[in-house]
């Protein structure tokens, strides 16, 4: 496959995640009201998706190491399209939660395999640069997703917005079918035995390099998920923005993330993996501190508005554009012969953190900005500490 094909493939597969969450978020308040559901049920449409997404990767990873990436992607993407159609026509909030869980299982095949493909084809340092390009594509898709979700919900209702997920899945399935070449040679495929699989998981989890980079990705995604799970309620219901206005805010957030991926590639060339995330850790910590200061100084005051949240969060997204490509590439770096399994464990841990965060947010949301602000600030502190300590001590991937 050409380099352009690889980047486009990564963009579409990784883009399944923001399409499934970001395009959905502007419709979430309407869905909640339409079904007469409460906040815990509304959060469950996200957390069930992400828990299923995380758990499924533990299955998809070993299967892709055994049977190859292509059949897993074909089956998973086809299932994603079917689950998206089921979500669109859900008759109740319970049915929607169930279909979103199926959607998460199917999405796991695409996102996990995308990360494994990078390790199949590249060494860790080069893989981080390629992953950064793929995540730039993800950022472009995310830029489009939230405004599109807001427009479709305002103009045609939330079911049409959910139908757009099926359309994106169909395009991705067609690209996979026409352009993806198998990246795991038959001689390198691993046998699939439960005992060996358990030993592989233990080996991966005991690796200090994997743990350092995985914690970085977990914390960075935890901060992003906290924003995603709360932002539609904070901006639309608390601050009074329209769904279209909220979509435009999400567009600007994704644009800052794209800028972060460009910064990542520039810093990698000059500083290498570990020093790059150390610099980004400073941006992340500044974001958390500014969020707290502005919220406690101005929440409830006339001057406190969306800018007081988005201004600091742009800094977070710049850092996120560095931490995710570096962290995902670094986590699978030590395991070239079981990149799928390592990618799966990393993805599973990220989604467990998101599920636990969503459960806390479902109870903590109280009609103010503070659960969002404190949740993001917590993850900012974890990111900075990880980038400055564990990654610097254990994050060397040169021997991988």
Protein backbone atom coordinates (compact mmCIF):
# COMPACT_ATOMS: atom_id res chain seq x y z
CA UNK A 1 0.00 0.00 0.00
CA UNK A 2 1.17 3.52 -0.75
CA UNK A 3 1.85 5.94 2.09
CA UNK A 4 -1.23 7.96 1.08
CA UNK A 5 -3.42 4.86 1.17
CA UNK A 6 -2.16 4.02 4.67
CA UNK A 7 -2.89 7.54 5.95
CA UNK A 8 -6.37 7.60 4.38
CA UNK A 9 -7.10 4.16 5.81
CA UNK A 10 -5.95 5.23 9.27
CA UNK A 11 -8.03 8.41 9.04
CA UNK A 12 -11.21 6.51 8.20
CA UNK A 13 -10.72 3.73 10.75
CA UNK A 14 -9.65 6.03 13.58
CA UNK A 15 -12.38 8.44 12.47
CA UNK A 16 -15.02 5.88 13.40
CA UNK A 17 -14.58 6.98 17.02
CA UNK A 18 -15.22 10.74 16.67
CA UNK A 19 -18.05 10.12 14.21
CA UNK A 20 -19.70 7.76 16.69
CA UNK A 21 -19.32 10.20 19.60
CA UNK A 22 -18.91 13.77 18.28
CA UNK A 23 -21.67 13.63 15.65
CA UNK A 24 -23.94 12.06 18.27
CA UNK A 25 -23.33 14.61 21.03
CA UNK A 26 -25.37 17.56 19.66
CA UNK A 27 -28.34 15.17 19.38
CA UNK A 28 -27.97 13.78 22.91
CA UNK A 29 -30.18 16.34 24.72
CA UNK A 30 -32.92 15.82 22.08
CA UNK A 31 -32.64 12.05 22.39
CA UNK A 32 -32.87 12.30 26.17
CA UNK A 33 -35.96 14.52 26.00
CA UNK A 34 -37.57 12.47 23.22
CA UNK A 35 -37.40 9.26 25.23
CA UNK A 36 -38.13 10.96 28.56
CA UNK A 37 -34.86 9.54 29.91
CA UNK A 38 -32.81 10.73 32.87
CA UNK A 39 -29.19 11.81 32.98
CA UNK A 40 -27.82 8.36 34.02
CA UNK A 41 -29.53 6.73 31.03
CA UNK A 42 -28.26 9.44 28.71
CA UNK A 43 -24.70 8.89 29.94
CA UNK A 44 -25.18 5.15 29.47
CA UNK A 45 -25.64 5.61 25.73
CA UNK A 46 -22.02 6.78 25.74
CA UNK A 47 -20.50 4.65 28.48
CA UNK A 48 -22.07 1.40 27.21
CA UNK A 49 -20.66 2.16 23.78
CA UNK A 50 -17.19 2.77 25.20
CA UNK A 51 -17.17 -0.20 27.57
CA UNK A 52 -18.20 -2.52 24.74
CA UNK A 53 -15.58 -0.84 22.55
CA UNK A 54 -12.88 -1.47 25.14
CA UNK A 55 -13.78 -5.08 25.96
CA UNK A 56 -14.19 -6.05 22.29
CA UNK A 57 -10.62 -5.04 21.53
CA UNK A 58 -9.37 -7.81 23.83
CA UNK A 59 -11.02 -10.22 21.39
CA UNK A 60 -10.34 -8.41 18.13
CA UNK A 61 -6.62 -7.98 18.86
CA UNK A 62 -5.71 -11.68 19.21
CA UNK A 63 -8.05 -12.60 16.35
CA UNK A 64 -6.30 -10.14 14.04
CA UNK A 65 -2.88 -11.50 15.10
CA UNK A 66 -4.13 -15.00 14.24
CA UNK A 67 -6.23 -14.49 11.10
CA UNK A 68 -4.88 -11.19 9.78
CA UNK A 69 -6.10 -7.61 9.79
CA UNK A 70 -8.25 -7.67 6.64
CA UNK A 71 -10.96 -10.22 7.62
CA UNK A 72 -11.36 -8.60 11.05
CA UNK A 73 -11.80 -5.17 9.47
CA UNK A 74 -14.27 -6.40 6.89
CA UNK A 75 -16.48 -8.14 9.45
CA UNK A 76 -16.21 -5.40 12.06
CA UNK A 77 -17.00 -2.55 9.68
CA UNK A 78 -20.00 -4.39 8.22
CA UNK A 79 -21.31 -4.95 11.77
CA UNK A 80 -20.82 -1.22 12.47
CA UNK A 81 -23.09 -0.30 9.56
CA UNK A 82 -25.82 -2.66 10.78
CA UNK A 83 -25.58 -1.40 14.37
CA UNK A 84 -25.79 2.20 13.16
CA UNK A 85 -29.02 1.41 11.32
CA UNK A 86 -30.36 -0.27 14.46
CA UNK A 87 -29.53 2.83 16.53
CA UNK A 88 -31.30 5.06 14.04
CA UNK A 89 -34.60 3.19 14.39
CA UNK A 90 -34.46 2.43 18.13
CA UNK A 91 -37.97 2.50 19.66
CA UNK A 92 -36.77 3.16 23.23
CA UNK A 93 -33.77 4.40 25.19
CA UNK A 94 -33.06 0.81 26.28
CA UNK A 95 -32.93 -0.34 22.65
CA UNK A 96 -30.67 2.59 21.79
CA UNK A 97 -28.28 1.67 24.62
CA UNK A 98 -28.19 -1.93 23.35
CA UNK A 99 -27.50 -0.92 19.75
CA UNK A 100 -24.84 1.55 20.88
CA UNK A 101 -23.12 -1.29 22.73
CA UNK A 102 -23.14 -3.39 19.54
CA UNK A 103 -21.80 -0.36 17.70
CA UNK A 104 -18.97 -0.15 20.23
CA UNK A 105 -18.06 -3.82 19.68
CA UNK A 106 -17.90 -3.26 15.92
CA UNK A 107 -15.99 0.01 16.27
CA UNK A 108 -13.34 -1.83 18.30
CA UNK A 109 -12.33 -3.86 15.25
CA UNK A 110 -11.60 -0.74 13.20
CA UNK A 111 -9.78 1.37 15.76
CA UNK A 112 -7.72 -1.49 17.23
CA UNK A 113 -6.66 -2.75 13.81
CA UNK A 114 -5.65 0.76 12.72
CA UNK A 115 -3.17 1.01 15.61
CA UNK A 116 -1.85 -2.50 14.90
CA UNK A 117 -1.37 -1.71 11.20
CA UNK A 118 1.04 1.05 12.10
CA UNK A 119 3.22 -1.34 14.09
CA UNK A 120 3.03 -3.93 11.29
CA UNK A 121 4.48 -1.44 8.84
CA UNK A 122 6.73 0.93 10.84
CA UNK A 123 9.19 1.14 13.73
CA UNK A 124 7.96 3.11 16.81
CA UNK A 125 9.48 6.52 16.03
CA UNK A 126 8.34 6.51 12.40
CA UNK A 127 5.07 4.95 13.50
CA UNK A 128 4.39 7.95 15.74
CA UNK A 129 4.77 10.28 12.75
CA UNK A 130 2.49 8.15 10.57
CA UNK A 131 -0.04 7.83 13.40
CA UNK A 132 0.06 11.60 13.80
CA UNK A 133 -0.90 12.00 10.13
CA UNK A 134 -3.75 9.53 10.58
CA UNK A 135 -4.90 11.41 13.67
CA UNK A 136 -4.80 14.65 11.67
CA UNK A 137 -7.33 12.98 9.39
CA UNK A 138 -9.31 11.98 12.47
CA UNK A 139 -9.26 15.64 13.52
CA UNK A 140 -10.66 16.73 10.16
CA UNK A 141 -13.45 14.16 10.49
CA UNK A 142 -14.12 15.36 14.05
CA UNK A 143 -14.28 18.96 12.81
CA UNK A 144 -17.05 17.99 10.42
CA UNK A 145 -18.88 15.61 12.76
CA UNK A 146 -20.08 17.91 15.53
CA UNK A 147 -21.37 20.77 13.33
CA UNK A 148 -23.00 18.21 11.02
CA UNK A 149 -24.65 16.52 14.00
CA UNK A 150 -25.99 19.86 15.21
CA UNK A 151 -27.30 20.87 11.78
CA UNK A 152 -28.93 17.52 11.08
CA UNK A 153 -30.57 17.46 14.52
CA UNK A 154 -31.90 21.02 14.15
CA UNK A 155 -33.13 20.54 10.59
CA UNK A 156 -34.29 16.93 10.44
CA UNK A 157 -34.20 15.41 13.93
CA UNK A 158 -31.89 13.14 15.85
CA UNK A 159 -32.70 9.98 13.88
CA UNK A 160 -31.31 11.52 10.71
CA UNK A 161 -28.18 12.52 12.62
CA UNK A 162 -27.70 8.91 13.74
CA UNK A 163 -28.31 7.73 10.19
CA UNK A 164 -25.22 9.66 9.11
CA UNK A 165 -23.12 7.15 11.12
CA UNK A 166 -24.34 4.34 8.87
CA UNK A 167 -23.36 6.37 5.80
CA UNK A 168 -19.83 6.92 7.13
CA UNK A 169 -19.51 3.24 8.00
CA UNK A 170 -20.52 2.28 4.47
CA UNK A 171 -17.84 4.53 2.95
CA UNK A 172 -15.23 3.06 5.29
CA UNK A 173 -16.28 -0.50 4.47
CA UNK A 174 -15.97 0.21 0.74
CA UNK A 175 -12.46 1.67 1.16
CA UNK A 176 -11.34 -1.31 3.24
CA UNK A 177 -12.72 -3.76 0.69
CA UNK A 178 -11.08 -2.02 -2.26
CA UNK A 179 -7.73 -0.78 -0.92
CA UNK A 180 -6.61 -2.68 2.19
CA UNK A 181 -3.84 -5.24 1.71
CA UNK A 182 -3.06 -7.78 4.42
CA UNK A 183 -0.15 -6.65 6.63
CA UNK A 184 0.37 -9.81 8.71
CA UNK A 185 2.30 -12.48 6.80
CA UNK A 186 1.06 -16.08 7.34
CA UNK A 187 4.43 -17.01 8.85
CA UNK A 188 4.03 -14.32 11.54
CA UNK A 189 0.50 -15.23 12.64
CA UNK A 190 0.16 -16.42 16.20
CA UNK A 191 -1.76 -19.47 17.31
CA UNK A 192 -4.94 -18.77 19.25
CA UNK A 193 -4.97 -20.62 22.56
CA UNK A 194 -6.50 -19.26 25.76
CA UNK A 195 -3.44 -20.09 27.85
CA UNK A 196 -1.07 -18.44 25.42
CA UNK A 197 -3.39 -15.46 25.15
CA UNK A 198 -3.43 -15.04 28.94
CA UNK A 199 0.36 -15.23 29.00
CA UNK A 200 0.50 -12.57 26.29
CA UNK A 201 -1.71 -10.24 28.30
CA UNK A 202 0.44 -10.73 31.39
CA UNK A 203 3.62 -10.13 29.37
CA UNK A 204 2.20 -6.92 27.94
CA UNK A 205 0.92 -5.61 31.27
CA UNK A 206 4.23 -6.35 33.01
CA UNK A 207 6.20 -4.36 30.46
CA UNK A 208 7.22 -1.01 31.98
CA UNK A 209 7.39 0.73 28.62
CA UNK A 210 3.85 -0.37 27.79
CA UNK A 211 2.56 0.79 31.17
CA UNK A 212 4.17 4.22 30.88
CA UNK A 213 2.84 5.00 27.42
CA UNK A 214 -0.54 3.40 28.11
CA UNK A 215 -1.12 5.54 31.19
CA UNK A 216 -0.40 8.60 29.05
CA UNK A 217 -3.04 7.57 26.49
CA UNK A 218 -5.51 6.60 29.23
CA UNK A 219 -5.23 9.96 30.98
CA UNK A 220 -5.34 11.95 27.74
CA UNK A 221 -8.45 10.14 26.56
CA UNK A 222 -9.96 10.43 30.04
CA UNK A 223 -9.74 14.22 29.83
CA UNK A 224 -11.22 14.27 26.35
CA UNK A 225 -14.04 11.92 27.35
CA UNK A 226 -14.90 14.08 30.36
CA UNK A 227 -15.39 17.01 27.99
CA UNK A 228 -17.35 14.97 25.45
CA UNK A 229 -19.67 13.45 28.03
CA UNK A 230 -20.56 16.79 29.65
CA UNK A 231 -20.14 19.48 27.02
CA UNK A 232 -23.50 19.20 25.25
CA UNK A 233 -25.35 19.60 28.56
CA UNK A 234 -23.08 22.40 29.82
CA UNK A 235 -23.10 24.47 26.64
CA UNK A 236 -26.68 23.81 25.46
CA UNK A 237 -28.63 23.51 28.70
CA UNK A 238 -26.52 25.53 31.18
CA UNK A 239 -25.10 28.24 28.89
CA UNK A 240 -27.98 28.34 26.39
CA UNK A 241 -26.12 27.71 23.13
CA UNK A 242 -28.01 26.36 20.15
CA UNK A 243 -27.13 22.90 18.85
CA UNK A 244 -25.57 24.51 15.78
CA UNK A 245 -23.56 26.87 17.98
CA UNK A 246 -22.40 23.91 20.05
CA UNK A 247 -21.37 22.10 16.88
CA UNK A 248 -19.26 25.07 15.86
CA UNK A 249 -17.53 25.03 19.25
CA UNK A 250 -16.73 21.36 18.71
CA UNK A 251 -15.40 22.26 15.26
CA UNK A 252 -12.99 24.74 16.81
CA UNK A 253 -11.93 22.15 19.39
CA UNK A 254 -11.11 19.65 16.66
CA UNK A 255 -9.18 22.32 14.77
CA UNK A 256 -6.94 22.84 17.81
CA UNK A 257 -6.42 19.07 17.94
CA UNK A 258 -5.31 19.07 14.30
CA UNK A 259 -2.84 21.84 15.15
CA UNK A 260 -1.54 19.62 17.95
CA UNK A 261 -0.82 16.77 15.54
CA UNK A 262 1.22 19.13 13.35
CA UNK A 263 3.12 20.32 16.42
CA UNK A 264 3.70 16.68 17.31
CA UNK A 265 5.44 15.93 14.01
CA UNK A 266 7.64 19.01 14.29
CA UNK A 267 8.67 18.23 17.85
CA UNK A 268 9.32 14.54 17.12
CA UNK A 269 11.90 15.47 14.50
CA UNK A 270 13.74 17.74 16.93
CA UNK A 271 13.23 16.16 20.35
CA UNK A 272 12.22 12.50 20.01
CA UNK A 273 9.28 10.74 21.64
CA UNK A 274 9.90 11.29 25.34
CA UNK A 275 10.93 14.93 25.24
CA UNK A 276 8.04 15.73 22.90
CA UNK A 277 5.42 14.54 25.39
CA UNK A 278 7.25 16.32 28.21
CA UNK A 279 6.78 19.63 26.39
CA UNK A 280 3.12 18.82 25.69
CA UNK A 281 2.64 17.96 29.37
CA UNK A 282 3.24 21.63 30.19
CA UNK A 283 0.42 22.70 27.85
CA UNK A 284 -1.91 20.14 29.42
CA UNK A 285 -1.22 21.18 32.99
CA UNK A 286 -1.70 24.86 32.09
CA UNK A 287 -5.08 23.93 30.60
CA UNK A 288 -6.29 22.28 33.80
CA UNK A 289 -5.14 25.13 36.01
CA UNK A 290 -6.77 27.79 33.82
CA UNK A 291 -10.05 25.88 33.75
CA UNK A 292 -10.13 25.75 37.55
CA UNK A 293 -9.13 29.38 38.06
CA UNK A 294 -11.69 30.77 35.61
CA UNK A 295 -14.51 28.54 36.86
CA UNK A 296 -14.02 29.38 40.51
CA UNK A 297 -13.56 33.06 39.77
CA UNK A 298 -16.44 33.51 37.38
CA UNK A 299 -19.02 30.70 37.30
CA UNK A 300 -22.41 32.36 37.68
CA UNK A 301 -21.02 35.80 36.77
CA UNK A 302 -22.19 37.60 33.59
CA UNK A 303 -18.73 37.51 32.03
CA UNK A 304 -18.31 33.74 32.41
CA UNK A 305 -19.28 32.05 29.17
CA UNK A 306 -18.24 29.37 26.68
CA UNK A 307 -14.90 31.08 26.03
CA UNK A 308 -13.87 30.51 29.68
CA UNK A 309 -14.11 26.77 29.09
CA UNK A 310 -12.99 26.56 25.47
CA UNK A 311 -9.97 28.87 25.79
CA UNK A 312 -8.16 26.62 28.28
CA UNK A 313 -9.47 23.47 26.59
CA UNK A 314 -7.80 24.45 23.32
CA UNK A 315 -4.51 24.03 25.19
CA UNK A 316 -5.62 20.58 26.29
CA UNK A 317 -6.40 19.60 22.70
CA UNK A 318 -3.01 20.82 21.49
CA UNK A 319 -1.45 18.50 24.04
CA UNK A 320 -3.86 15.70 23.15
CA UNK A 321 -2.66 15.94 19.55
CA UNK A 322 0.82 15.07 20.84
CA UNK A 323 0.05 12.56 23.59
CA UNK A 324 -2.20 10.23 21.59
CA UNK A 325 0.00 9.49 18.55
CA UNK A 326 3.13 9.25 20.71
CA UNK A 327 1.41 7.19 23.40
CA UNK A 328 -0.30 4.75 21.04
CA UNK A 329 2.86 4.15 19.05
CA UNK A 330 4.99 3.84 22.18
CA UNK A 331 2.60 1.37 23.84
CA UNK A 332 2.77 -1.17 21.00
CA UNK A 333 6.43 -0.51 20.22
CA UNK A 334 7.87 -3.35 22.35
CA UNK A 335 5.59 -5.96 20.69
CA UNK A 336 6.14 -6.16 16.92
CA UNK A 337 4.92 -9.78 16.76
CA UNK A 338 1.71 -9.19 18.73
CA UNK A 339 0.87 -5.60 17.89
CA UNK A 340 -2.83 -6.41 17.69
CA UNK A 341 -2.93 -7.82 21.20
CA UNK A 342 -0.90 -4.94 22.64
CA UNK A 343 -3.11 -2.41 20.85
CA UNK A 344 -6.17 -4.20 22.20
CA UNK A 345 -4.99 -4.11 25.81
CA UNK A 346 -4.13 -0.42 25.47
CA UNK A 347 -7.54 0.35 23.96
CA UNK A 348 -9.33 -1.71 26.61
CA UNK A 349 -7.64 0.21 29.43
CA UNK A 350 -8.57 3.55 27.85
CA UNK A 351 -12.22 2.56 27.60
CA UNK A 352 -12.37 1.21 31.17
CA UNK A 353 -11.15 4.62 32.36
CA UNK A 354 -13.81 6.31 30.19
CA UNK A 355 -16.54 4.01 31.53
CA UNK A 356 -15.62 4.74 35.14
CA UNK A 357 -15.42 8.46 34.38
CA UNK A 358 -18.85 8.35 32.73
CA UNK A 359 -20.34 6.59 35.74
CA UNK A 360 -19.00 9.29 38.04
CA UNK A 361 -20.21 12.07 35.76
CA UNK A 362 -23.72 10.58 35.61
CA UNK A 363 -23.94 11.05 39.38
CA UNK A 364 -21.96 14.27 39.66
CA UNK A 365 -23.62 16.42 36.98
CA UNK A 366 -25.58 19.05 38.88
CA UNK A 367 -26.46 21.75 36.39
CA UNK A 368 -23.15 23.60 36.81
CA UNK A 369 -19.81 23.61 35.05
CA UNK A 370 -17.84 22.26 38.02
CA UNK A 371 -18.06 18.47 37.42
CA UNK A 372 -16.67 19.05 33.92
CA UNK A 373 -13.93 21.39 35.10
CA UNK A 374 -12.75 19.27 38.00
CA UNK A 375 -12.86 16.10 35.93
CA UNK A 376 -10.70 17.58 33.17
CA UNK A 377 -8.30 19.15 35.69
CA UNK A 378 -7.79 15.76 37.37
CA UNK A 379 -6.80 14.11 34.11
CA UNK A 380 -4.55 17.06 33.22
CA UNK A 381 -2.57 16.48 36.41
CA UNK A 382 -2.25 12.75 35.67
CA UNK A 383 -1.07 13.46 32.11
CA UNK A 384 1.60 15.92 33.20
CA UNK A 385 2.92 13.68 35.98
CA UNK A 386 3.05 10.68 33.65
CA UNK A 387 4.78 12.60 30.87
CA UNK A 388 7.39 14.00 33.25
CA UNK A 389 8.07 10.86 35.29
CA UNK A 390 7.09 7.40 34.01
CA UNK A 391 7.55 8.18 30.33
CA UNK A 392 10.96 9.74 30.93
CA UNK A 393 12.10 6.76 33.02
CA UNK A 394 10.52 3.82 31.18
CA UNK A 395 9.45 5.11 27.78
CA UNK A 396 12.53 4.21 25.70
CA UNK A 397 11.31 2.40 22.56
CA UNK A 398 14.64 2.34 20.69
CA UNK A 399 15.25 -1.29 21.59
CA UNK A 400 11.80 -2.39 20.38
